[in-house]
Amino acid sequence: MKGCVLGGTLVLLSVGNVALAQEGAMDDQAREVLDPIVESLMEAQHIPGMAVALVGPQGTTISHYGIADHETGSAVDGATLFEIGSLSKTFTATLASQASVQGKLDLDAPVSRYLPALEGSAFDEISGLNLGTHTTGGLPLFVPDEVTDRASLMSWFRQWQPPETIGDVRTYSNLGIGLLGVETAASLDSEFVPAMRAHVLEPLGLQHTWYDVPDDHMADYAMGENKDGQPMRVAPGVLDDEAYGIKTTAGDMARLVQANLHLAEIGAELQQAIDATRQGYYRVGDMTQDLIWEQYPLPVALDTLLTGNGYDMILDPNAAKAIEPPQAPRDDVWINKTGSTNGFGGYVVMLPGEQTGLVMLANKNYPNDARVEAAYRILSGLGVIDVP
């Protein structure tokens, strides 16, 4: 796994005091920071392969490490597709925000306004914003076993009652963001995936991002490994597209980061929608909950990030306090999101004040704290963040 093979056509990146060299190669200083951290992470966590993108004002450089598929022996490269799990939620949030900017979706309105099948249920009180900030009053993380199709899903939603007060707790939920995707598609008079492709993926120029990987791209689809080292890919499920279904490349994820950092030329309406996903709506401990994205004021300690991305924050209810009015997007923050499936693990960090981002994709589900620590070491080592 020694060394780093670089892909893509954007080959110059300034990160803090470190400049990545032209001709598709990192300068020695940046490589001295990145390579040992990534290689150590892969060895410690038994990760077959990774793609790591560094995004900055001068461009993007992507490093590829290891093996995409043990059976074929193929190496990770610029075309390798990774499952990104809950990082897919950031795309769903972007589509919802785009529908809001277009005047099609009122995120403060009851969900039942757009989904009449839910009239007379708890969703007369729960808004799209509650869905996108995990403040529904306690929707569970996973889709219940008895839900097997859209009809049984809506039946389940109709009878569900929140165990906590809406808006008072944050309870991380695939069901919540999944329903936001359903609601958004309804507001656009479309199915979810076509709406996503028309309003977000194509305008961003994401040509290697899929919900269902086409046959002619299956050779690029990495084989994941679960925690026991067994080959694994995500299985189809109710709300999988809306909540965790995307397969993509590090290059396409870097493009989303560029758009968030105002480093990509995109339409004004889509830029407004992307910016709106980074408004702060709730404080949850040291973390501010945006529309799916999560942020922390800088400088931030590693322990704070580990707590905010820890499994207690994902699996348990946590007290939430509404920010009134919502906090406008800020520059002096660390913004992040993790994403996992049974066989893959991803992490994205954005530092708007530095116009710098980091994308880490792996074909192994490994602990969040290892992802956060590696990213923190990379960005502090490159001189982008100050360690308090």
Protein backbone atom coordinates (compact mmCIF):
# COMPACT_ATOMS: atom_id res chain seq x y z
CA MET A 1 0.00 0.00 0.00
CA LYS A 2 3.06 2.24 -0.03
CA GLY A 3 2.75 5.37 -2.09
CA CYS A 4 -0.10 7.32 -3.62
CA VAL A 5 -1.51 7.19 -7.14
CA LEU A 6 -3.25 10.40 -8.14
CA GLY A 7 -6.20 10.77 -10.50
CA GLY A 8 -8.34 13.46 -12.02
CA THR A 9 -7.46 16.46 -14.14
CA LEU A 10 -7.35 19.19 -11.52
CA VAL A 11 -3.82 18.99 -10.26
CA LEU A 12 -3.02 22.09 -8.19
CA LEU A 13 -4.22 22.64 -4.64
CA SER A 14 -3.21 25.12 -1.99
CA VAL A 15 -4.00 23.94 1.53
CA GLY A 16 -2.85 26.18 4.35
CA ASN A 17 0.88 26.65 3.83
CA VAL A 18 1.19 23.50 1.70
CA ALA A 19 0.89 23.58 -2.11
CA LEU A 20 0.29 20.39 -4.05
CA ALA A 21 2.54 20.33 -7.11
CA GLN A 22 1.46 20.39 -10.74
CA GLU A 23 1.70 17.43 -13.14
CA GLY A 24 -0.64 15.35 -10.94
CA ALA A 25 1.78 14.77 -8.08
CA MET A 26 1.80 15.98 -4.51
CA ASP A 27 4.76 17.93 -3.28
CA ASP A 28 6.88 16.14 -0.71
CA GLN A 29 5.58 18.17 2.25
CA ALA A 30 1.94 17.35 1.58
CA ARG A 31 2.72 13.71 0.83
CA GLU A 32 4.65 13.45 4.08
CA VAL A 33 1.44 14.48 5.89
CA LEU A 34 -1.15 12.52 3.96
CA ASP A 35 0.47 9.20 3.07
CA PRO A 36 1.53 8.04 6.55
CA ILE A 37 -1.83 8.94 8.09
CA VAL A 38 -3.87 7.17 5.41
CA GLU A 39 -1.59 4.14 5.29
CA SER A 40 -1.59 3.82 9.07
CA LEU A 41 -5.39 4.12 9.11
CA MET A 42 -5.76 1.43 6.46
CA GLU A 43 -3.40 -0.93 8.25
CA ALA A 44 -5.00 -0.43 11.66
CA GLN A 45 -8.56 -0.82 10.36
CA HIS A 46 -7.82 -3.49 7.71
CA ILE A 47 -9.20 -1.30 4.93
CA PRO A 48 -8.69 -2.74 1.44
CA GLY A 49 -8.84 0.57 -0.45
CA MET A 50 -9.43 4.30 -0.10
CA ALA A 51 -9.81 7.44 -2.18
CA VAL A 52 -8.96 10.74 -0.50
CA ALA A 53 -9.71 14.12 -2.10
CA LEU A 54 -8.23 17.40 -0.94
CA VAL A 55 -10.20 20.41 -2.15
CA GLY A 56 -8.91 23.97 -2.07
CA PRO A 57 -9.00 27.34 -3.84
CA GLN A 58 -6.58 26.25 -6.56
CA GLY A 59 -8.23 22.94 -7.38
CA THR A 60 -8.58 19.36 -6.22
CA THR A 61 -6.12 16.49 -5.95
CA ILE A 62 -7.30 12.93 -5.37
CA SER A 63 -5.12 10.18 -3.92
CA HIS A 64 -5.91 6.50 -4.44
CA TYR A 65 -4.76 3.71 -2.17
CA GLY A 66 -5.07 -0.05 -2.19
CA ILE A 67 -7.54 -2.49 -3.70
CA ALA A 68 -11.11 -1.93 -4.91
CA ASP A 69 -11.94 -5.64 -5.11
CA HIS A 70 -9.88 -8.49 -3.69
CA GLU A 71 -11.44 -11.01 -6.08
CA THR A 72 -10.43 -9.12 -9.23
CA GLY A 73 -7.32 -7.51 -7.76
CA SER A 74 -8.33 -4.16 -9.25
CA ALA A 75 -6.75 -1.08 -7.72
CA VAL A 76 -8.69 1.95 -6.52
CA ASP A 77 -8.59 4.63 -9.21
CA GLY A 78 -10.48 7.70 -10.36
CA ALA A 79 -13.43 5.66 -11.63
CA THR A 80 -13.90 3.58 -8.46
CA LEU A 81 -17.43 3.79 -7.08
CA PHE A 82 -17.92 3.71 -3.31
CA GLU A 83 -21.13 3.38 -1.33
CA ILE A 84 -21.38 6.56 0.75
CA GLY A 85 -24.22 5.57 3.09
CA SER A 86 -25.60 8.50 5.04
CA LEU A 87 -23.54 11.00 3.08
CA SER A 88 -26.40 10.45 0.62
CA LYS A 89 -28.53 12.45 3.07
CA THR A 90 -26.62 15.61 2.12
CA PHE A 91 -27.89 15.18 -1.45
CA THR A 92 -31.46 14.68 -0.22
CA ALA A 93 -31.12 17.83 1.87
CA THR A 94 -29.84 19.71 -1.17
CA LEU A 95 -32.81 18.60 -3.26
CA ALA A 96 -35.22 19.67 -0.51
CA SER A 97 -33.48 23.02 -0.25
CA GLN A 98 -33.65 23.42 -4.02
CA ALA A 99 -37.40 22.74 -3.96
CA SER A 100 -37.69 25.35 -1.20
CA VAL A 101 -35.76 27.96 -3.19
CA GLN A 102 -38.04 27.26 -6.17
CA GLY A 103 -41.09 27.89 -4.00
CA LYS A 104 -42.33 24.32 -4.40
CA LEU A 105 -41.66 23.17 -0.81
CA ASP A 106 -42.18 25.05 2.45
CA LEU A 107 -39.84 23.37 4.91
CA ASP A 108 -41.72 24.94 7.83
CA ALA A 109 -45.06 23.50 6.71
CA PRO A 110 -46.51 20.22 7.99
CA VAL A 111 -45.36 17.19 6.03
CA SER A 112 -48.98 16.20 5.50
CA ARG A 113 -49.48 19.26 3.28
CA TYR A 114 -47.43 17.50 0.61
CA LEU A 115 -48.33 13.94 1.54
CA PRO A 116 -52.14 13.93 2.03
CA ALA A 117 -52.03 10.24 3.02
CA LEU A 118 -50.55 11.44 6.33
CA GLU A 119 -53.33 13.91 7.17
CA GLY A 120 -54.66 13.27 10.67
CA SER A 121 -51.33 11.82 11.84
CA ALA A 122 -48.39 13.24 13.82
CA PHE A 123 -47.16 14.68 10.53
CA ASP A 124 -49.78 17.40 10.78
CA GLU A 125 -47.34 18.82 13.37
CA ILE A 126 -43.96 17.65 12.04
CA SER A 127 -42.35 19.82 9.36
CA GLY A 128 -39.85 19.09 6.63
CA LEU A 129 -37.32 21.03 8.67
CA ASN A 130 -37.90 18.63 11.58
CA LEU A 131 -37.22 15.72 9.21
CA GLY A 132 -34.00 17.29 7.92
CA THR A 133 -32.67 18.12 11.38
CA HIS A 134 -33.67 14.85 13.13
CA THR A 135 -36.02 16.72 15.50
CA THR A 136 -39.25 14.80 14.82
CA GLY A 137 -39.71 13.75 18.42
CA GLY A 138 -38.10 10.37 18.02
CA LEU A 139 -38.47 8.66 14.64
CA PRO A 140 -36.30 5.52 14.89
CA LEU A 141 -33.02 5.10 13.05
CA PHE A 142 -33.99 2.11 10.93
CA VAL A 143 -37.04 1.27 8.86
CA PRO A 144 -39.12 -1.25 10.90
CA ASP A 145 -39.04 -4.88 9.74
CA GLU A 146 -42.77 -4.89 9.02
CA VAL A 147 -42.33 -2.13 6.43
CA THR A 148 -41.67 -3.80 3.10
CA ASP A 149 -43.02 -1.36 0.50
CA ARG A 150 -44.32 2.20 0.11
CA ALA A 151 -47.88 1.28 1.13
CA SER A 152 -46.82 -0.36 4.41
CA LEU A 153 -44.42 2.54 5.00
CA MET A 154 -47.17 5.14 4.81
CA SER A 155 -49.41 2.96 6.96
CA TRP A 156 -46.66 2.81 9.58
CA PHE A 157 -46.17 6.59 9.47
CA ARG A 158 -49.92 7.17 9.91
CA GLN A 159 -50.04 5.25 13.18
CA TRP A 160 -46.69 6.42 14.62
CA GLN A 161 -46.71 8.80 17.58
CA PRO A 162 -43.59 10.69 18.72
CA PRO A 163 -42.32 9.54 22.13
CA GLU A 164 -40.72 12.96 22.76
CA THR A 165 -41.77 16.56 22.18
CA ILE A 166 -41.24 17.60 18.55
CA GLY A 167 -38.26 19.94 18.34
CA ASP A 168 -36.91 19.20 21.82
CA VAL A 169 -34.67 16.24 20.99
CA ARG A 170 -32.46 15.17 18.12
CA THR A 171 -32.89 11.51 17.20
CA TYR A 172 -30.88 10.50 14.14
CA SER A 173 -33.19 8.74 11.69
CA ASN A 174 -33.09 7.17 8.24
CA LEU A 175 -36.89 7.30 8.34
CA GLY A 176 -36.85 11.07 8.83
CA ILE A 177 -34.57 11.99 5.96
CA GLY A 178 -36.21 9.30 3.86
CA LEU A 179 -39.61 10.89 4.35
CA LEU A 180 -38.10 14.30 3.53
CA GLY A 181 -37.03 12.83 0.20
CA VAL A 182 -40.53 11.46 -0.41
CA GLU A 183 -42.10 14.79 0.54
CA THR A 184 -39.69 16.73 -1.67
CA ALA A 185 -40.33 14.54 -4.68
CA ALA A 186 -44.09 14.98 -4.16
CA SER A 187 -43.66 18.76 -4.05
CA LEU A 188 -41.85 18.55 -7.39
CA ASP A 189 -44.51 16.21 -8.83
CA SER A 190 -41.84 13.62 -9.55
CA GLU A 191 -40.32 10.38 -8.36
CA PHE A 192 -37.29 10.89 -6.11
CA VAL A 193 -34.40 9.64 -8.26
CA PRO A 194 -35.43 11.47 -11.46
CA ALA A 195 -35.93 14.65 -9.42
CA MET A 196 -32.49 14.27 -7.84
CA ARG A 197 -30.86 13.71 -11.22
CA ALA A 198 -32.61 16.67 -12.87
CA HIS A 199 -32.28 19.20 -10.04
CA VAL A 200 -28.97 18.31 -8.34
CA LEU A 201 -26.76 15.67 -9.96
CA GLU A 202 -26.85 16.92 -13.54
CA PRO A 203 -26.58 20.65 -12.67
CA LEU A 204 -23.54 19.83 -10.51
CA GLY A 205 -21.98 17.86 -13.33
CA LEU A 206 -21.87 14.62 -11.33
CA GLN A 207 -21.46 12.05 -14.10
CA HIS A 208 -20.37 9.15 -11.90
CA THR A 209 -23.02 9.23 -9.16
CA TRP A 210 -25.68 6.52 -9.11
CA TYR A 211 -28.47 5.02 -7.06
CA ASP A 212 -28.56 1.89 -9.24
CA VAL A 213 -25.15 1.36 -10.81
CA PRO A 214 -25.55 0.77 -14.59
CA ASP A 215 -24.24 -2.48 -16.05
CA ASP A 216 -21.49 -0.68 -17.96
CA HIS A 217 -20.16 0.80 -14.68
CA MET A 218 -20.33 -2.34 -12.53
CA ALA A 219 -16.64 -3.03 -13.11
CA ASP A 220 -15.92 0.26 -11.31
CA TYR A 221 -18.10 -0.61 -8.30
CA ALA A 222 -15.79 -1.47 -5.39
CA MET A 223 -16.51 -4.53 -3.29
CA GLY A 224 -16.99 -3.55 0.33
CA GLU A 225 -15.98 -5.47 3.42
CA ASN A 226 -17.94 -5.70 6.64
CA LYS A 227 -16.37 -5.59 10.09
CA ASP A 228 -15.54 -9.31 9.83
CA GLY A 229 -13.77 -8.87 6.50
CA GLN A 230 -16.54 -10.51 4.47
CA PRO A 231 -17.42 -9.07 1.03
CA MET A 232 -20.48 -6.86 1.26
CA ARG A 233 -22.58 -4.47 -0.79
CA VAL A 234 -25.72 -2.64 0.27
CA ALA A 235 -29.03 -4.46 -0.22
CA PRO A 236 -32.14 -2.73 -1.61
CA GLY A 237 -34.60 -1.48 0.99
CA VAL A 238 -37.47 0.91 1.60
CA LEU A 239 -36.17 4.53 1.61
CA ASP A 240 -32.67 3.39 0.63
CA ASP A 241 -32.39 5.93 -2.19
CA GLU A 242 -33.45 8.84 -0.02
CA ALA A 243 -31.40 7.91 3.06
CA TYR A 244 -28.26 5.97 2.13
CA GLY A 245 -28.33 4.76 -1.47
CA ILE A 246 -25.71 6.70 -3.45
CA LYS A 247 -22.65 5.11 -5.04
CA THR A 248 -20.10 7.63 -6.32
CA THR A 249 -16.47 8.54 -6.85
CA ALA A 250 -14.20 10.71 -4.73
CA GLY A 251 -14.12 13.13 -7.66
CA ASP A 252 -17.88 13.61 -7.69
CA MET A 253 -17.97 14.03 -3.90
CA ALA A 254 -15.21 16.61 -4.22
CA ARG A 255 -17.43 18.46 -6.69
CA LEU A 256 -20.21 18.68 -4.08
CA VAL A 257 -17.66 20.03 -1.62
CA GLN A 258 -16.44 22.58 -4.16
CA ALA A 259 -20.00 23.80 -4.63
CA ASN A 260 -20.45 24.18 -0.88
CA LEU A 261 -17.20 26.17 -0.70
CA HIS A 262 -18.10 28.43 -3.65
CA LEU A 263 -15.33 26.91 -5.74
CA ALA A 264 -17.57 25.63 -8.55
CA GLU A 265 -19.43 27.58 -11.20
CA ILE A 266 -23.07 26.56 -10.80
CA GLY A 267 -26.41 28.27 -11.25
CA ALA A 268 -27.38 30.94 -8.73
CA GLU A 269 -30.53 29.09 -7.67
CA LEU A 270 -28.66 25.85 -6.93
CA GLN A 271 -25.92 27.77 -5.12
CA GLN A 272 -28.55 29.43 -2.94
CA ALA A 273 -30.03 26.02 -2.15
CA ILE A 274 -26.65 24.51 -1.29
CA ASP A 275 -25.78 27.46 0.96
CA ALA A 276 -29.11 27.10 2.76
CA THR A 277 -28.27 23.53 3.80
CA ARG A 278 -25.51 25.03 6.00
CA GLN A 279 -27.80 27.23 8.08
CA GLY A 280 -27.78 26.29 11.77
CA TYR A 281 -31.17 25.29 13.19
CA TYR A 282 -30.52 23.49 16.50
CA ARG A 283 -27.78 23.28 19.11
CA VAL A 284 -27.09 19.76 20.30
CA GLY A 285 -24.30 19.88 22.86
CA ASP A 286 -21.27 21.43 21.14
CA MET A 287 -22.68 20.64 17.70
CA THR A 288 -24.93 22.83 15.57
CA GLN A 289 -27.37 20.85 13.43
CA ASP A 290 -27.79 22.23 9.93
CA LEU A 291 -29.99 20.68 7.25
CA ILE A 292 -28.22 17.28 7.63
CA TRP A 293 -24.73 18.83 7.78
CA GLU A 294 -23.26 19.24 11.29
CA GLN A 295 -20.95 22.06 12.35
CA TYR A 296 -18.65 23.18 15.19
CA PRO A 297 -17.08 26.60 15.82
CA LEU A 298 -13.34 26.82 15.24
CA PRO A 299 -10.96 26.18 16.82
CA VAL A 300 -12.36 22.78 17.75
CA ALA A 301 -10.81 20.06 19.88
CA LEU A 302 -10.55 16.52 18.58
CA ASP A 303 -12.49 15.23 21.61
CA THR A 304 -15.40 17.52 20.71
CA LEU A 305 -15.53 16.08 17.19
CA LEU A 306 -15.27 12.53 18.46
CA THR A 307 -18.22 13.11 20.78
CA GLY A 308 -20.31 14.78 18.08
CA ASN A 309 -19.67 11.97 15.61
CA GLY A 310 -19.91 9.24 18.23
CA TYR A 311 -22.43 6.44 18.32
CA ASP A 312 -24.22 7.95 21.34
CA MET A 313 -25.12 10.87 19.10
CA ILE A 314 -26.36 8.51 16.39
CA LEU A 315 -28.17 5.90 18.47
CA ASP A 316 -29.58 7.89 21.40
CA PRO A 317 -31.91 10.90 21.77
CA ASN A 318 -30.03 14.11 22.60
CA ALA A 319 -31.49 17.39 23.86
CA ALA A 320 -31.87 20.00 21.12
CA LYS A 321 -32.40 23.76 21.43
CA ALA A 322 -33.82 25.69 18.50
CA ILE A 323 -31.75 28.62 17.18
CA GLU A 324 -34.03 31.59 16.60
CA PRO A 325 -33.61 32.98 14.03
CA PRO A 326 -31.60 30.25 12.29
CA GLN A 327 -27.87 30.84 12.18
CA ALA A 328 -26.66 32.06 8.78
CA PRO A 329 -23.86 30.03 7.12
CA ARG A 330 -20.55 30.82 8.81
CA ASP A 331 -16.93 30.70 7.69
CA ASP A 332 -15.30 30.00 11.07
CA VAL A 333 -16.64 26.45 11.43
CA TRP A 334 -15.76 22.80 10.90
CA ILE A 335 -18.61 21.19 8.93
CA ASN A 336 -18.78 17.41 8.65
CA LYS A 337 -20.84 14.31 7.95
CA THR A 338 -20.11 10.61 8.21
CA GLY A 339 -21.68 7.89 6.08
CA SER A 340 -21.65 4.10 6.33
CA THR A 341 -23.13 0.97 4.88
CA ASN A 342 -22.27 -2.52 6.10
CA GLY A 343 -19.30 -2.61 3.73
CA PHE A 344 -18.21 1.01 3.25
CA GLY A 345 -17.25 4.03 5.35
CA GLY A 346 -17.02 7.69 4.32
CA TYR A 347 -16.33 11.07 5.87
CA VAL A 348 -16.47 14.64 4.52
CA VAL A 349 -15.10 17.77 6.21
CA MET A 350 -15.49 21.36 4.98
CA LEU A 351 -13.76 24.48 6.30
CA PRO A 352 -15.51 27.39 4.57
CA GLY A 353 -13.15 30.07 5.90
CA GLU A 354 -10.20 28.29 4.27
CA GLN A 355 -12.22 27.15 1.22
CA THR A 356 -10.79 23.74 2.00
CA GLY A 357 -12.43 20.34 2.11
CA LEU A 358 -11.51 16.70 2.65
CA VAL A 359 -13.29 13.62 1.28
CA MET A 360 -12.37 10.16 2.61
CA LEU A 361 -14.04 7.11 1.03
CA ALA A 362 -13.22 3.50 1.97
CA ASN A 363 -14.53 0.07 1.01
CA LYS A 364 -14.71 -0.98 4.65
CA ASN A 365 -17.11 -0.04 7.43
CA TYR A 366 -14.73 1.15 10.13
CA PRO A 367 -15.33 3.22 13.29
CA ASN A 368 -16.27 6.88 13.05
CA ASP A 369 -13.68 7.90 15.61
CA ALA A 370 -10.89 6.54 13.38
CA ARG A 371 -12.20 8.60 10.45
CA VAL A 372 -12.48 11.78 12.50
CA GLU A 373 -9.04 11.40 14.05
CA ALA A 374 -7.39 10.77 10.68
CA ALA A 375 -9.10 13.80 9.11
CA TYR A 376 -8.13 15.97 12.07
CA ARG A 377 -4.51 14.87 11.80
CA ILE A 378 -4.45 15.51 8.06
CA LEU A 379 -5.94 19.01 8.25
CA SER A 380 -3.87 20.06 11.27
CA GLY A 381 -0.75 18.57 9.67
CA LEU A 382 -1.37 20.59 6.52
CA GLY A 383 -1.69 23.74 8.64
CA VAL A 384 -5.35 24.33 7.76
CA ILE A 385 -6.70 24.26 11.33
CA ASP A 386 -5.30 25.38 14.64
CA VAL A 387 -5.37 22.79 17.40
CA PRO A 388 -6.72 24.37 20.61
